[in-house]
């Protein structure tokens, strides 16, 4: 199981209308779309399953998925 779990593989609920999501956050529509594209690329960098596991999270933040990192370990254990 990854740090961030989606309800179904390759389904991204809430992304159907980025305008609605942008209206509920401090992000613009283009920023919401860019963040979603970034999530998709990060979540498929190690295992292409629509989830972001600890290794993918560490790789995105620290450019290293092998070395243990206390922040990533604690974040993913929540």
PDB file of N, CA and C in Angstrom:
ATOM      1  N   UNK A   1       0.850  -1.180   0.000  1.00  0.00           N
ATOM      2  CA  UNK A   1       0.000   0.000   0.000  1.00  0.00           C
ATOM      3  C   UNK A   1       0.890   1.237   0.000  1.00  0.00           C
ATOM      4  N   UNK A   2       0.517   2.227  -0.750  1.00  0.00           N
ATOM      5  CA  UNK A   2       1.305   3.446  -0.855  1.00  0.00           C
ATOM      6  C   UNK A   2       0.919   4.481   0.191  1.00  0.00           C
ATOM      7  N   UNK A   3       1.623   5.560   0.185  1.00  0.00           N
ATOM      8  CA  UNK A   3       1.311   6.661   1.089  1.00  0.00           C
ATOM      9  C   UNK A   3      -0.041   7.276   0.756  1.00  0.00           C
ATOM     10  N   UNK A   4      -0.292   7.418  -0.526  1.00  0.00           N
ATOM     11  CA  UNK A   4      -1.532   8.019  -0.986  1.00  0.00           C
ATOM     12  C   UNK A   4      -2.272   6.978  -1.790  1.00  0.00           C
ATOM     13  N   UNK A   5      -3.456   6.588  -1.360  1.00  0.00           N
ATOM     14  CA  UNK A   5      -4.183   5.547  -2.048  1.00  0.00           C
ATOM     15  C   UNK A   5      -5.399   6.122  -2.745  1.00  0.00           C
ATOM     16  N   UNK A   6      -5.544   5.740  -3.994  1.00  0.00           N
ATOM     17  CA  UNK A   6      -6.721   6.123  -4.754  1.00  0.00           C
ATOM     18  C   UNK A   6      -7.728   4.991  -4.664  1.00  0.00           C
ATOM     19  N   UNK A   7      -9.014   5.304  -4.850  1.00  0.00           N
ATOM     20  CA  UNK A   7     -10.047   4.298  -4.663  1.00  0.00           C
ATOM     21  C   UNK A   7      -9.955   3.168  -5.676  1.00  0.00           C
ATOM     22  N   UNK A   8      -9.513   3.455  -6.857  1.00  0.00           N
ATOM     23  CA  UNK A   8      -9.417   2.426  -7.876  1.00  0.00           C
ATOM     24  C   UNK A   8      -8.222   2.726  -8.759  1.00  0.00           C
ATOM     25  N   UNK A   9      -7.621   1.697  -9.269  1.00  0.00           N
ATOM     26  CA  UNK A   9      -6.442   1.889 -10.098  1.00  0.00           C
ATOM     27  C   UNK A   9      -6.757   2.752 -11.311  1.00  0.00           C
ATOM     28  N   UNK A  10      -5.929   3.744 -11.522  1.00  0.00           N
ATOM     29  CA  UNK A  10      -5.997   4.642 -12.669  1.00  0.00           C
ATOM     30  C   UNK A  10      -7.250   5.500 -12.707  1.00  0.00           C
ATOM     31  N   UNK A  11      -8.029   5.528 -11.651  1.00  0.00           N
ATOM     32  CA  UNK A  11      -9.136   6.474 -11.557  1.00  0.00           C
ATOM     33  C   UNK A  11      -8.709   7.581 -10.623  1.00  0.00           C
ATOM     34  N   UNK A  12      -9.034   8.802 -10.994  1.00  0.00           N
ATOM     35  CA  UNK A  12      -8.624   9.939 -10.203  1.00  0.00           C
ATOM     36  C   UNK A  12      -9.860  10.754  -9.852  1.00  0.00           C
ATOM     37  N   UNK A  13     -10.602  10.337  -8.817  1.00  0.00           N
ATOM     38  CA  UNK A  13     -11.814  11.067  -8.454  1.00  0.00           C
ATOM     39  C   UNK A  13     -11.500  12.508  -8.066  1.00  0.00           C
ATOM     40  N   UNK A  14     -12.366  13.407  -8.488  1.00  0.00           N
ATOM     41  CA  UNK A  14     -12.170  14.807  -8.195  1.00  0.00           C
ATOM     42  C   UNK A  14     -11.438  15.546  -9.296  1.00  0.00           C
ATOM     43  N   UNK A  15     -10.816  14.803 -10.200  1.00  0.00           N
ATOM     44  CA  UNK A  15     -10.084  15.448 -11.282  1.00  0.00           C
ATOM     45  C   UNK A  15     -10.980  15.683 -12.492  1.00  0.00           C
ATOM     46  N   UNK A  16     -12.213  15.226 -12.435  1.00  0.00           N
ATOM     47  CA  UNK A  16     -13.114  15.412 -13.564  1.00  0.00           C
ATOM     48  C   UNK A  16     -13.272  16.887 -13.918  1.00  0.00           C
ATOM     49  N   UNK A  17     -13.280  17.747 -12.914  1.00  0.00           N
ATOM     50  CA  UNK A  17     -13.433  19.173 -13.166  1.00  0.00           C
ATOM     51  C   UNK A  17     -12.445  19.965 -12.308  1.00  0.00           C
ATOM     52  N   UNK A  18     -11.273  20.285 -12.874  1.00  0.00           N
ATOM     53  CA  UNK A  18     -10.284  21.029 -12.096  1.00  0.00           C
ATOM     54  C   UNK A  18     -10.745  22.438 -11.721  1.00  0.00           C
ATOM     55  N   UNK A  19     -11.751  22.957 -12.404  1.00  0.00           N
ATOM     56  CA  UNK A  19     -12.280  24.285 -12.064  1.00  0.00           C
ATOM     57  C   UNK A  19     -12.922  24.244 -10.675  1.00  0.00           C
ATOM     58  N   UNK A  20     -13.675  23.192 -10.401  1.00  0.00           N
ATOM     59  CA  UNK A  20     -14.318  23.048  -9.086  1.00  0.00           C
ATOM     60  C   UNK A  20     -13.260  22.893  -8.001  1.00  0.00           C
ATOM     61  N   UNK A  21     -12.272  22.045  -8.257  1.00  0.00           N
ATOM     62  CA  UNK A  21     -11.208  21.845  -7.273  1.00  0.00           C
ATOM     63  C   UNK A  21     -10.440  23.146  -7.027  1.00  0.00           C
ATOM     64  N   UNK A  22     -10.156  23.875  -8.083  1.00  0.00           N
ATOM     65  CA  UNK A  22      -9.439  25.151  -7.938  1.00  0.00           C
ATOM     66  C   UNK A  22     -10.255  26.157  -7.146  1.00  0.00           C
ATOM     67  N   UNK A  23     -11.571  26.124  -7.308  1.00  0.00           N
ATOM     68  CA  UNK A  23     -12.418  27.067  -6.566  1.00  0.00           C
ATOM     69  C   UNK A  23     -12.463  26.753  -5.070  1.00  0.00           C
ATOM     70  N   UNK A  24     -12.106  25.532  -4.706  1.00  0.00           N
ATOM     71  CA  UNK A  24     -12.131  25.119  -3.307  1.00  0.00           C
ATOM     72  C   UNK A  24     -10.758  25.199  -2.644  1.00  0.00           C
ATOM     73  N   UNK A  25      -9.753  25.626  -3.411  1.00  0.00           N
ATOM     74  CA  UNK A  25      -8.384  25.708  -2.898  1.00  0.00           C
ATOM     75  C   UNK A  25      -7.777  27.062  -3.249  1.00  0.00           C
ATOM     76  N   UNK A  26      -6.553  27.253  -2.844  1.00  0.00           N
ATOM     77  CA  UNK A  26      -5.833  28.490  -3.173  1.00  0.00           C
ATOM     78  C   UNK A  26      -5.123  28.388  -4.515  1.00  0.00           C
ATOM     79  N   UNK A  27      -5.278  27.260  -5.219  1.00  0.00           N
ATOM     80  CA  UNK A  27      -4.599  27.038  -6.489  1.00  0.00           C
ATOM     81  C   UNK A  27      -5.464  27.478  -7.659  1.00  0.00           C
ATOM     82  N   UNK A  28      -4.798  27.904  -8.729  1.00  0.00           N
ATOM     83  CA  UNK A  28      -5.522  28.235  -9.960  1.00  0.00           C
ATOM     84  C   UNK A  28      -5.813  26.940 -10.727  1.00  0.00           C
ATOM     85  N   UNK A  29      -6.647  27.032 -11.749  1.00  0.00           N
ATOM     86  CA  UNK A  29      -6.987  25.859 -12.552  1.00  0.00           C
ATOM     87  C   UNK A  29      -5.732  25.274 -13.192  1.00  0.00           C
ATOM     88  N   UNK A  30      -4.889  26.121 -13.747  1.00  0.00           N
ATOM     89  CA  UNK A  30      -3.670  25.616 -14.398  1.00  0.00           C
ATOM     90  C   UNK A  30      -2.725  24.972 -13.378  1.00  0.00           C
ATOM     91  N   UNK A  31      -2.689  25.497 -12.155  1.00  0.00           N
ATOM     92  CA  UNK A  31      -1.852  24.897 -11.113  1.00  0.00           C
ATOM     93  C   UNK A  31      -2.405  23.543 -10.688  1.00  0.00           C
ATOM     94  N   UNK A  32      -3.722  23.412 -10.589  1.00  0.00           N
ATOM     95  CA  UNK A  32      -4.338  22.130 -10.249  1.00  0.00           C
ATOM     96  C   UNK A  32      -4.005  21.096 -11.328  1.00  0.00           C
ATOM     97  N   UNK A  33      -4.128  21.490 -12.576  1.00  0.00           N
ATOM     98  CA  UNK A  33      -3.811  20.572 -13.678  1.00  0.00           C
ATOM     99  C   UNK A  33      -2.336  20.181 -13.663  1.00  0.00           C
ATOM    100  N   UNK A  34      -1.452  21.149 -13.394  1.00  0.00           N
ATOM    101  CA  UNK A  34      -0.017  20.860 -13.335  1.00  0.00           C
ATOM    102  C   UNK A  34       0.317  19.939 -12.160  1.00  0.00           C
ATOM    103  N   UNK A  35      -0.319  20.175 -11.015  1.00  0.00           N
ATOM    104  CA  UNK A  35      -0.093  19.308  -9.851  1.00  0.00           C
ATOM    105  C   UNK A  35      -0.569  17.886 -10.119  1.00  0.00           C
ATOM    106  N   UNK A  36      -1.689  17.751 -10.814  1.00  0.00           N
ATOM    107  CA  UNK A  36      -2.188  16.420 -11.139  1.00  0.00           C
ATOM    108  C   UNK A  36      -1.230  15.694 -12.083  1.00  0.00           C
ATOM    109  N   UNK A  37      -0.705  16.400 -13.080  1.00  0.00           N
ATOM    110  CA  UNK A  37       0.268  15.796 -13.997  1.00  0.00           C
ATOM    111  C   UNK A  37       1.534  15.387 -13.242  1.00  0.00           C
ATOM    112  N   UNK A  38       1.965  16.217 -12.310  1.00  0.00           N
ATOM    113  CA  UNK A  38       3.132  15.892 -11.493  1.00  0.00           C
ATOM    114  C   UNK A  38       2.863  14.656 -10.635  1.00  0.00           C
ATOM    115  N   UNK A  39       1.678  14.587 -10.027  1.00  0.00           N
ATOM    116  CA  UNK A  39       1.310  13.404  -9.236  1.00  0.00           C
ATOM    117  C   UNK A  39       1.352  12.156 -10.097  1.00  0.00           C
ATOM    118  N   UNK A  40       0.785  12.224 -11.304  1.00  0.00           N
ATOM    119  CA  UNK A  40       0.771  11.048 -12.188  1.00  0.00           C
ATOM    120  C   UNK A  40       2.184  10.603 -12.533  1.00  0.00           C
ATOM    121  N   UNK A  41       3.083  11.550 -12.809  1.00  0.00           N
ATOM    122  CA  UNK A  41       4.453  11.158 -13.161  1.00  0.00           C
ATOM    123  C   UNK A  41       5.201  10.590 -11.960  1.00  0.00           C
ATOM    124  N   UNK A  42       5.003  11.187 -10.772  1.00  0.00           N
ATOM    125  CA  UNK A  42       5.675  10.678  -9.573  1.00  0.00           C
ATOM    126  C   UNK A  42       5.121   9.316  -9.188  1.00  0.00           C
ATOM    127  N   UNK A  43       3.805   9.160  -9.246  1.00  0.00           N
ATOM    128  CA  UNK A  43       3.194   7.905  -8.798  1.00  0.00           C
ATOM    129  C   UNK A  43       3.484   6.743  -9.738  1.00  0.00           C
ATOM    130  N   UNK A  44       3.995   7.004 -10.917  1.00  0.00           N
ATOM    131  CA  UNK A  44       4.343   5.912 -11.830  1.00  0.00           C
ATOM    132  C   UNK A  44       5.854   5.804 -12.044  1.00  0.00           C
ATOM    133  N   UNK A  45       6.641   6.501 -11.237  1.00  0.00           N
ATOM    134  CA  UNK A  45       8.090   6.492 -11.438  1.00  0.00           C
ATOM    135  C   UNK A  45       8.750   5.173 -11.050  1.00  0.00           C
ATOM    136  N   UNK A  46       8.216   4.462 -10.072  1.00  0.00           N
ATOM    137  CA  UNK A  46       8.768   3.170  -9.667  1.00  0.00           C
ATOM    138  C   UNK A  46       7.813   2.052 -10.064  1.00  0.00           C
ATOM    139  N   UNK A  47       6.566   2.152  -9.621  1.00  0.00           N
ATOM    140  CA  UNK A  47       5.523   1.179  -9.950  1.00  0.00           C
ATOM    141  C   UNK A  47       4.355   1.955 -10.538  1.00  0.00           C
ATOM    142  N   UNK A  48       3.928   1.576 -11.730  1.00  0.00           N
ATOM    143  CA  UNK A  48       2.832   2.291 -12.396  1.00  0.00           C
ATOM    144  C   UNK A  48       1.493   1.723 -11.936  1.00  0.00           C
ATOM    145  N   UNK A  49       1.072   2.152 -10.730  1.00  0.00           N
ATOM    146  CA  UNK A  49      -0.158   1.608 -10.157  1.00  0.00           C
ATOM    147  C   UNK A  49      -1.145   2.675  -9.703  1.00  0.00           C
ATOM    148  N   UNK A  50      -0.856   3.947  -9.969  1.00  0.00           N
ATOM    149  CA  UNK A  50      -1.763   5.015  -9.550  1.00  0.00           C
ATOM    150  C   UNK A  50      -1.650   5.371  -8.078  1.00  0.00           C
ATOM    151  N   UNK A  51      -0.668   4.798  -7.404  1.00  0.00           N
ATOM    152  CA  UNK A  51      -0.427   5.078  -5.990  1.00  0.00           C
ATOM    153  C   UNK A  51       0.954   5.699  -5.846  1.00  0.00           C
ATOM    154  N   UNK A  52       1.148   6.458  -4.806  1.00  0.00           N
ATOM    155  CA  UNK A  52       2.470   6.998  -4.522  1.00  0.00           C
ATOM    156  C   UNK A  52       2.985   6.289  -3.281  1.00  0.00           C
ATOM    157  N   UNK A  53       3.962   5.401  -3.476  1.00  0.00           N
ATOM    158  CA  UNK A  53       4.503   4.688  -2.328  1.00  0.00           C
ATOM    159  C   UNK A  53       5.669   5.457  -1.725  1.00  0.00           C
ATOM    160  N   UNK A  54       6.215   4.922  -0.654  1.00  0.00           N
ATOM    161  CA  UNK A  54       7.264   5.632   0.082  1.00  0.00           C
ATOM    162  C   UNK A  54       8.489   5.883  -0.791  1.00  0.00           C
ATOM    163  N   UNK A  55       8.869   4.915  -1.606  1.00  0.00           N
ATOM    164  CA  UNK A  55      10.038   5.073  -2.461  1.00  0.00           C
ATOM    165  C   UNK A  55       9.830   6.187  -3.485  1.00  0.00           C
ATOM    166  N   UNK A  56       8.641   6.245  -4.072  1.00  0.00           N
ATOM    167  CA  UNK A  56       8.344   7.300  -5.041  1.00  0.00           C
ATOM    168  C   UNK A  56       8.299   8.668  -4.364  1.00  0.00           C
ATOM    169  N   UNK A  57       7.753   8.714  -3.164  1.00  0.00           N
ATOM    170  CA  UNK A  57       7.707   9.961  -2.398  1.00  0.00           C
ATOM    171  C   UNK A  57       9.117  10.455  -2.091  1.00  0.00           C
ATOM    172  N   UNK A  58       9.982   9.552  -1.617  1.00  0.00           N
ATOM    173  CA  UNK A  58      11.363   9.906  -1.321  1.00  0.00           C
ATOM    174  C   UNK A  58      12.099  10.348  -2.577  1.00  0.00           C
ATOM    175  N   UNK A  59      11.881   9.653  -3.673  1.00  0.00           N
ATOM    176  CA  UNK A  59      12.541   9.999  -4.926  1.00  0.00           C
ATOM    177  C   UNK A  59      12.140  11.399  -5.385  1.00  0.00           C
ATOM    178  N   UNK A  60      10.861  11.735  -5.244  1.00  0.00           N
ATOM    179  CA  UNK A  60      10.381  13.053  -5.658  1.00  0.00           C
ATOM    180  C   UNK A  60      10.947  14.167  -4.777  1.00  0.00           C
ATOM    181  N   UNK A  61      11.043  13.928  -3.481  1.00  0.00           N
ATOM    182  CA  UNK A  61      11.514  14.972  -2.565  1.00  0.00           C
ATOM    183  C   UNK A  61      13.027  15.066  -2.456  1.00  0.00           C
ATOM    184  N   UNK A  62      13.677  13.916  -2.428  1.00  0.00           N
ATOM    185  CA  UNK A  62      15.100  13.891  -2.083  1.00  0.00           C
ATOM    186  C   UNK A  62      15.990  13.321  -3.174  1.00  0.00           C
ATOM    187  N   UNK A  63      15.418  12.937  -4.310  1.00  0.00           N
ATOM    188  CA  UNK A  63      16.184  12.348  -5.427  1.00  0.00           C
ATOM    189  C   UNK A  63      16.916  11.081  -5.009  1.00  0.00           C
ATOM    190  N   UNK A  64      16.367  10.385  -4.005  1.00  0.00           N
ATOM    191  CA  UNK A  64      16.982   9.159  -3.526  1.00  0.00           C
ATOM    192  C   UNK A  64      15.892   8.274  -2.947  1.00  0.00           C
ATOM    193  N   UNK A  65      15.677   7.101  -3.527  1.00  0.00           N
ATOM    194  CA  UNK A  65      14.624   6.231  -3.012  1.00  0.00           C
ATOM    195  C   UNK A  65      15.155   5.110  -2.139  1.00  0.00           C
ATOM    196  N   UNK A  66      16.464   4.918  -2.102  1.00  0.00           N
ATOM    197  CA  UNK A  66      17.057   3.807  -1.354  1.00  0.00           C
ATOM    198  C   UNK A  66      17.392   4.176   0.085  1.00  0.00           C
ATOM    199  N   UNK A  67      17.949   5.359   0.289  1.00  0.00           N
ATOM    200  CA  UNK A  67      18.394   5.769   1.620  1.00  0.00           C
ATOM    201  C   UNK A  67      17.190   6.041   2.515  1.00  0.00           C
ATOM    202  N   UNK A  68      17.235   5.557   3.740  1.00  0.00           N
ATOM    203  CA  UNK A  68      16.158   5.787   4.695  1.00  0.00           C
ATOM    204  C   UNK A  68      16.073   7.269   5.040  1.00  0.00           C
ATOM    205  N   UNK A  69      14.870   7.771   5.117  1.00  0.00           N
ATOM    206  CA  UNK A  69      14.647   9.163   5.465  1.00  0.00           C
ATOM    207  C   UNK A  69      13.564   9.208   6.531  1.00  0.00           C
ATOM    208  N   UNK A  70      13.854   9.812   7.649  1.00  0.00           N
ATOM    209  CA  UNK A  70      12.922   9.847   8.779  1.00  0.00           C
ATOM    210  C   UNK A  70      11.627  10.567   8.415  1.00  0.00           C
ATOM    211  N   UNK A  71      11.716  11.668   7.673  1.00  0.00           N
ATOM    212  CA  UNK A  71      10.517  12.410   7.273  1.00  0.00           C
ATOM    213  C   UNK A  71       9.592  11.537   6.437  1.00  0.00           C
ATOM    214  N   UNK A  72      10.127  10.893   5.402  1.00  0.00           N
ATOM    215  CA  UNK A  72       9.306  10.048   4.536  1.00  0.00           C
ATOM    216  C   UNK A  72       8.745   8.852   5.305  1.00  0.00           C
ATOM    217  N   UNK A  73       9.554   8.295   6.172  1.00  0.00           N
ATOM    218  CA  UNK A  73       9.100   7.147   6.967  1.00  0.00           C
ATOM    219  C   UNK A  73       7.932   7.525   7.870  1.00  0.00           C
ATOM    220  N   UNK A  74       8.057   8.655   8.549  1.00  0.00           N
ATOM    221  CA  UNK A  74       6.982   9.106   9.440  1.00  0.00           C
ATOM    222  C   UNK A  74       5.752   9.530   8.662  1.00  0.00           C
ATOM    223  N   UNK A  75       5.949  10.218   7.545  1.00  0.00           N
ATOM    224  CA  UNK A  75       4.839  10.677   6.720  1.00  0.00           C
ATOM    225  C   UNK A  75       4.023   9.504   6.185  1.00  0.00           C
ATOM    226  N   UNK A  76       4.698   8.473   5.735  1.00  0.00           N
ATOM    227  CA  UNK A  76       4.018   7.319   5.155  1.00  0.00           C
ATOM    228  C   UNK A  76       3.460   6.369   6.201  1.00  0.00           C
ATOM    229  N   UNK A  77       3.839   6.538   7.440  1.00  0.00           N
ATOM    230  CA  UNK A  77       3.294   5.683   8.482  1.00  0.00           C
ATOM    231  C   UNK A  77       2.010   6.242   9.080  1.00  0.00           C
ATOM    232  N   UNK A  78       1.624   7.450   8.697  1.00  0.00           N
ATOM    233  CA  UNK A  78       0.391   8.061   9.215  1.00  0.00           C
ATOM    234  C   UNK A  78      -0.841   7.391   8.669  1.00  0.00           C
TER     235      UNK A  78
END
